[in-house]
Protein backbone atom coordinates (compact mmCIF):
# COMPACT_ATOMS: atom_id res chain seq x y z
CA UNK A 1 251.72 327.00 210.63
CA UNK A 2 254.59 328.31 212.89
CA UNK A 3 254.81 332.13 214.01
CA UNK A 4 257.15 333.47 216.39
CA UNK A 5 255.95 333.31 219.70
CA UNK A 6 257.07 335.09 222.94
CA UNK A 7 257.70 333.89 226.43
CA UNK A 8 256.24 335.21 229.87
CA UNK A 9 259.69 336.56 231.53
CA UNK A 10 261.26 335.62 234.59
CA UNK A 11 259.78 336.67 237.78
CA UNK A 12 260.77 338.94 240.51
CA UNK A 13 259.38 339.52 243.79
CA UNK A 14 259.45 342.04 246.26
CA UNK A 15 260.18 340.78 249.47
CA UNK A 16 257.61 343.00 251.41
CA UNK A 17 254.59 342.17 248.85
CA UNK A 18 254.23 338.40 248.58
CA UNK A 19 250.46 337.79 247.25
CA UNK A 20 251.80 335.50 244.89
CA UNK A 21 254.26 333.34 247.04
CA UNK A 22 253.66 334.18 250.38
CA UNK A 23 254.96 330.88 251.51
CA UNK A 24 258.33 331.93 250.45
CA UNK A 25 261.23 332.32 253.07
CA UNK A 26 263.04 335.66 252.70
CA UNK A 27 266.12 333.90 251.85
CA UNK A 28 264.38 332.10 249.30
CA UNK A 29 263.19 335.29 247.52
CA UNK A 30 266.54 336.88 247.68
CA UNK A 31 268.12 334.17 245.83
CA UNK A 32 265.16 334.22 242.96
CA UNK A 33 265.74 338.00 243.29
CA UNK A 34 269.02 337.76 242.66
CA UNK A 35 268.82 334.97 239.83
CA UNK A 36 266.50 337.40 238.20
CA UNK A 37 269.18 340.47 238.16
CA UNK A 38 271.61 338.03 236.97
CA UNK A 39 269.42 336.58 234.06
CA UNK A 40 268.68 339.48 232.77
CA UNK A 41 272.39 340.52 232.44
CA UNK A 42 272.29 337.24 230.30
CA UNK A 43 274.59 335.46 233.03
CA UNK A 44 272.49 332.20 232.81
CA UNK A 45 274.70 330.16 234.93
CA UNK A 46 274.71 332.44 237.84
CA UNK A 47 270.98 332.72 237.45
CA UNK A 48 270.58 329.04 237.21
CA UNK A 49 272.68 328.49 240.28
CA UNK A 50 270.61 331.35 242.19
CA UNK A 51 267.30 329.92 241.41
CA UNK A 52 268.94 326.70 242.46
CA UNK A 53 270.16 327.99 245.71
CA UNK A 54 266.39 329.47 246.17
CA UNK A 55 264.79 326.08 245.55
CA UNK A 56 267.37 324.40 248.16
CA UNK A 57 266.03 327.11 250.68
CA UNK A 58 262.42 326.57 249.80
CA UNK A 59 261.57 323.23 247.96
CA UNK A 60 258.07 324.55 247.38
CA UNK A 61 258.83 327.73 245.74
CA UNK A 62 257.09 327.53 242.68
CA UNK A 63 258.38 330.75 240.90
CA UNK A 64 261.81 329.59 241.63
CA UNK A 65 261.24 326.55 239.43
CA UNK A 66 259.85 328.60 236.59
CA UNK A 67 262.52 331.21 236.54
CA UNK A 68 265.00 328.17 236.19
CA UNK A 69 263.11 326.66 233.49
CA UNK A 70 263.23 329.94 231.65
CA UNK A 71 267.14 330.19 232.31
CA UNK A 72 267.13 326.73 231.03
CA UNK A 73 265.55 327.22 227.94
CA UNK A 74 268.11 330.28 227.27
CA UNK A 75 270.60 327.64 227.17
CA UNK A 76 268.91 325.04 224.89
CA UNK A 77 268.37 322.82 227.87
CA UNK A 78 264.49 321.63 226.72
CA UNK A 79 264.42 318.57 229.02
CA UNK A 80 265.37 320.81 231.97
CA UNK A 81 263.18 323.59 231.12
CA UNK A 82 260.37 321.24 230.96
CA UNK A 83 261.04 319.40 234.03
CA UNK A 84 261.22 322.54 235.87
CA UNK A 85 257.49 323.66 234.49
CA UNK A 86 256.25 320.74 235.87
CA UNK A 87 257.59 320.85 239.09
CA UNK A 88 256.45 324.56 239.21
CA UNK A 89 252.98 323.34 238.15
CA UNK A 90 252.64 320.48 240.54
CA UNK A 91 253.51 322.68 243.39
CA UNK A 92 250.91 325.68 241.86
CA UNK A 93 248.41 323.98 239.36
CA UNK A 94 247.32 327.61 238.30
CA UNK A 95 250.18 329.15 237.22
CA UNK A 96 249.19 330.61 234.15
CA UNK A 97 252.81 331.65 232.93
CA UNK A 98 254.00 328.21 233.56
CA UNK A 99 251.15 326.70 231.34
CA UNK A 100 252.06 328.92 228.55
CA UNK A 101 255.95 328.68 228.72
CA UNK A 102 255.41 324.69 228.87
CA UNK A 103 252.81 324.74 226.28
CA UNK A 104 255.43 326.51 223.63
CA UNK A 105 258.17 324.22 224.83
CA UNK A 106 255.65 320.92 224.05
CA UNK A 107 254.93 322.09 220.82
CA UNK A 108 258.18 322.65 219.65
CA UNK A 109 259.47 319.52 220.47
CA UNK A 110 256.62 317.88 218.69
CA UNK A 111 254.46 317.47 221.52
CA UNK A 112 251.35 319.04 219.91
CA UNK A 113 248.86 316.72 222.46
CA UNK A 114 250.37 318.28 225.06
CA UNK A 115 250.78 321.77 224.36
CA UNK A 116 247.00 321.80 223.34
CA UNK A 117 246.40 320.38 226.67
CA UNK A 118 248.40 323.35 228.29
CA UNK A 119 246.70 326.11 226.50
CA UNK A 120 243.24 324.33 227.21
CA UNK A 121 244.07 324.53 231.01
CA UNK A 122 244.93 328.35 230.66
CA UNK A 123 241.52 328.88 228.62
CA UNK A 124 239.81 327.09 231.89
CA UNK A 125 241.61 329.60 234.23
CA UNK A 126 241.20 332.50 231.88
CA UNK A 127 238.67 332.22 229.20
CA UNK A 128 239.64 335.61 227.53
CA UNK A 129 243.24 334.78 226.99
CA UNK A 130 243.81 335.31 223.45
CA UNK A 131 247.20 334.07 223.35
CA UNK A 132 246.28 330.72 224.67
CA UNK A 133 243.71 330.49 221.79
CA UNK A 134 246.30 331.40 219.21
CA UNK A 135 249.13 328.77 220.71
CA UNK A 136 246.57 326.27 220.61
CA UNK A 137 245.83 327.42 217.52
CA UNK A 138 249.61 326.43 216.00
CA UNK A 139 249.21 323.19 217.79
CA UNK A 140 246.30 322.30 216.20
CA UNK A 141 247.66 323.36 212.90
CA UNK A 142 250.85 321.14 213.15
CA UNK A 143 248.92 318.01 213.79
CA UNK A 144 246.81 319.11 210.47
CA UNK A 145 243.53 320.20 212.34
CA UNK A 146 243.05 322.99 209.98
CA UNK A 147 239.20 323.35 211.43
CA UNK A 148 240.64 323.44 214.90
CA UNK A 149 243.37 326.03 214.04
CA UNK A 150 240.99 328.27 212.31
CA UNK A 151 238.49 328.22 215.00
CA UNK A 152 241.15 328.89 217.69
CA UNK A 153 242.78 331.86 215.78
CA UNK A 154 239.34 333.41 215.42
CA UNK A 155 238.68 333.02 219.03
CA UNK A 156 241.92 334.91 219.77
CA UNK A 157 240.85 337.64 216.77
CA UNK A 158 237.70 338.21 218.59
CA UNK A 159 238.97 338.83 221.41
CA UNK A 160 241.95 341.27 219.96
CA UNK A 161 240.98 342.06 216.54
CA UNK A 162 244.81 343.45 215.81
CA UNK A 163 246.34 340.05 216.43
CA UNK A 164 248.49 340.13 213.36
CA UNK A 165 249.90 336.69 214.49
CA UNK A 166 246.24 335.00 214.39
CA UNK A 167 245.61 336.73 211.33
CA UNK A 168 248.56 335.71 209.49
CA UNK A 169 248.10 332.37 210.88
CA UNK A 170 244.54 332.34 209.93
CA UNK A 171 245.00 333.13 206.61
CA UNK A 172 247.77 330.21 206.20
CA UNK A 173 245.18 327.85 207.36
CA UNK A 174 242.36 329.18 205.09
CA UNK A 175 244.67 328.85 202.11
CA UNK A 176 245.33 325.25 202.90
CA UNK A 177 241.24 324.78 203.75
CA UNK A 178 240.81 326.06 199.83
CA UNK A 179 239.29 329.58 201.41
CA UNK A 180 241.22 331.57 199.04
CA UNK A 181 239.17 334.75 199.82
CA UNK A 182 239.14 334.37 203.78
CA UNK A 183 243.02 334.07 202.89
CA UNK A 184 243.19 337.41 201.02
CA UNK A 185 240.86 338.91 203.32
CA UNK A 186 243.31 337.86 206.42
CA UNK A 187 246.33 339.22 204.55
CA UNK A 188 244.74 342.36 203.62
CA UNK A 189 244.14 343.12 207.45
CA UNK A 190 247.55 341.98 208.14
CA UNK A 191 248.91 344.25 205.49
CA UNK A 192 246.62 347.06 206.69
CA UNK A 193 248.13 346.87 210.20
CA UNK A 194 251.76 346.19 209.07
CA UNK A 195 252.26 347.77 205.91
CA UNK A 196 255.56 346.37 205.60
CA UNK A 197 254.69 342.73 205.88
CA UNK A 198 256.88 341.05 202.95
CA UNK A 199 255.38 337.71 204.15
CA UNK A 200 251.70 339.11 203.75
CA UNK A 201 252.10 340.33 200.47
CA UNK A 202 253.48 337.22 198.91
CA UNK A 203 250.62 335.00 200.73
CA UNK A 204 248.30 337.25 199.44
CA UNK A 205 249.70 337.39 196.23
CA UNK A 206 249.77 333.40 196.25
CA UNK A 207 246.06 333.77 196.78
CA UNK A 208 245.11 335.94 194.08
CA UNK A 209 247.25 334.01 191.53
CA UNK A 210 244.84 330.55 192.66
CA UNK A 211 242.04 333.23 191.71
CA UNK A 212 243.36 333.83 188.41
CA UNK A 213 243.90 337.56 189.37
CA UNK A 214 246.94 338.24 187.41
CA UNK A 215 247.19 342.00 188.26
CA UNK A 216 246.71 341.68 191.94
CA UNK A 217 249.44 338.61 191.58
CA UNK A 218 251.99 340.72 189.86
CA UNK A 219 251.43 343.84 192.30
CA UNK A 220 251.65 341.69 195.51
CA UNK A 221 254.34 339.48 194.26
CA UNK A 222 256.46 342.75 193.23
CA UNK A 223 255.77 344.53 196.67
CA UNK A 224 256.90 341.41 198.66
CA UNK A 225 260.25 341.10 196.32
CA UNK A 226 260.54 344.85 197.06
CA UNK A 227 260.08 344.56 201.10
CA UNK A 228 262.28 341.42 201.12
CA UNK A 229 264.84 340.50 198.50
CA UNK A 230 264.64 337.14 199.88
CA UNK A 231 261.64 336.67 197.75
CA UNK A 232 262.76 337.64 194.10
CA UNK A 233 263.47 334.38 193.33
CA UNK A 234 260.04 332.97 194.27
CA UNK A 235 258.08 335.55 193.11
CA UNK A 236 260.10 336.24 189.72
CA UNK A 237 259.14 333.16 187.94
CA UNK A 238 255.53 333.37 189.17
CA UNK A 239 255.07 337.67 187.71
CA UNK A 240 256.85 336.19 184.44
CA UNK A 241 254.20 333.79 184.24
CA UNK A 242 251.27 336.03 185.15
CA UNK A 243 252.25 338.36 182.49
CA UNK A 244 252.20 335.59 179.79
CA UNK A 245 248.89 334.56 181.16
CA UNK A 246 247.38 338.00 180.78
CA UNK A 247 249.03 338.33 177.25
CA UNK A 248 247.28 334.92 176.66
CA UNK A 249 243.46 336.36 178.13
CA UNK A 250 244.09 339.20 176.00
CA UNK A 251 244.92 337.94 172.54
CA UNK A 252 242.14 335.32 173.02
CA UNK A 253 239.75 337.97 173.75
CA UNK A 254 240.99 339.92 170.85
CA UNK A 255 240.78 336.92 168.53
CA UNK A 256 237.35 336.55 169.72
CA UNK A 257 235.85 339.78 169.28
């Protein structure tokens, strides 16, 4: 049920325009901005040092904690990342980006309830946030709540009909629930939006296999293998079996005729 997720990026403040952090002093803002530049350059240690300096100058600067959390993530420090998001949200309980990123980090840690809680909070603040529905759907799917996952991905798709990742994940959940036609429909939509999606062809082929539509299974598995040869080892045995079943059905029909 997992699909690639994107983090919100580090924040950069213009010192002359501070609607988000008007309380921050100029030196703290300058250190935050310097940290952002270092972060973009890939200098994570330098960025963390600058963000820490910004926090020393202004301990209530929520954005500096948030940005440091992002840099710590890039260094693989999940505990440090989460601690900084916690602090940024304590200082600014309406910090949507921090809820978003903490929700992803919690899901990756296996704290699915925490991830669901964070994305639910985003939806309280921004009811039309398709990404929050999508990410909450992932966490619900990881918990085995397929109905909840389908509902959240459906909400994301209603807000953004071309949300490929939500269509892809809803197809997976529908297939697991036994809604094979629904899985086929979702994967077909993914293919319309991303014609080179080997995963969608492979998953649709697997759904066609369950419906005993062997021609469609063969076509989709062959297409998946052509787009991504890594699928070949899984697809070839099924293709061969589908051809054998087709031949058997033809022989039975001929014999019965």
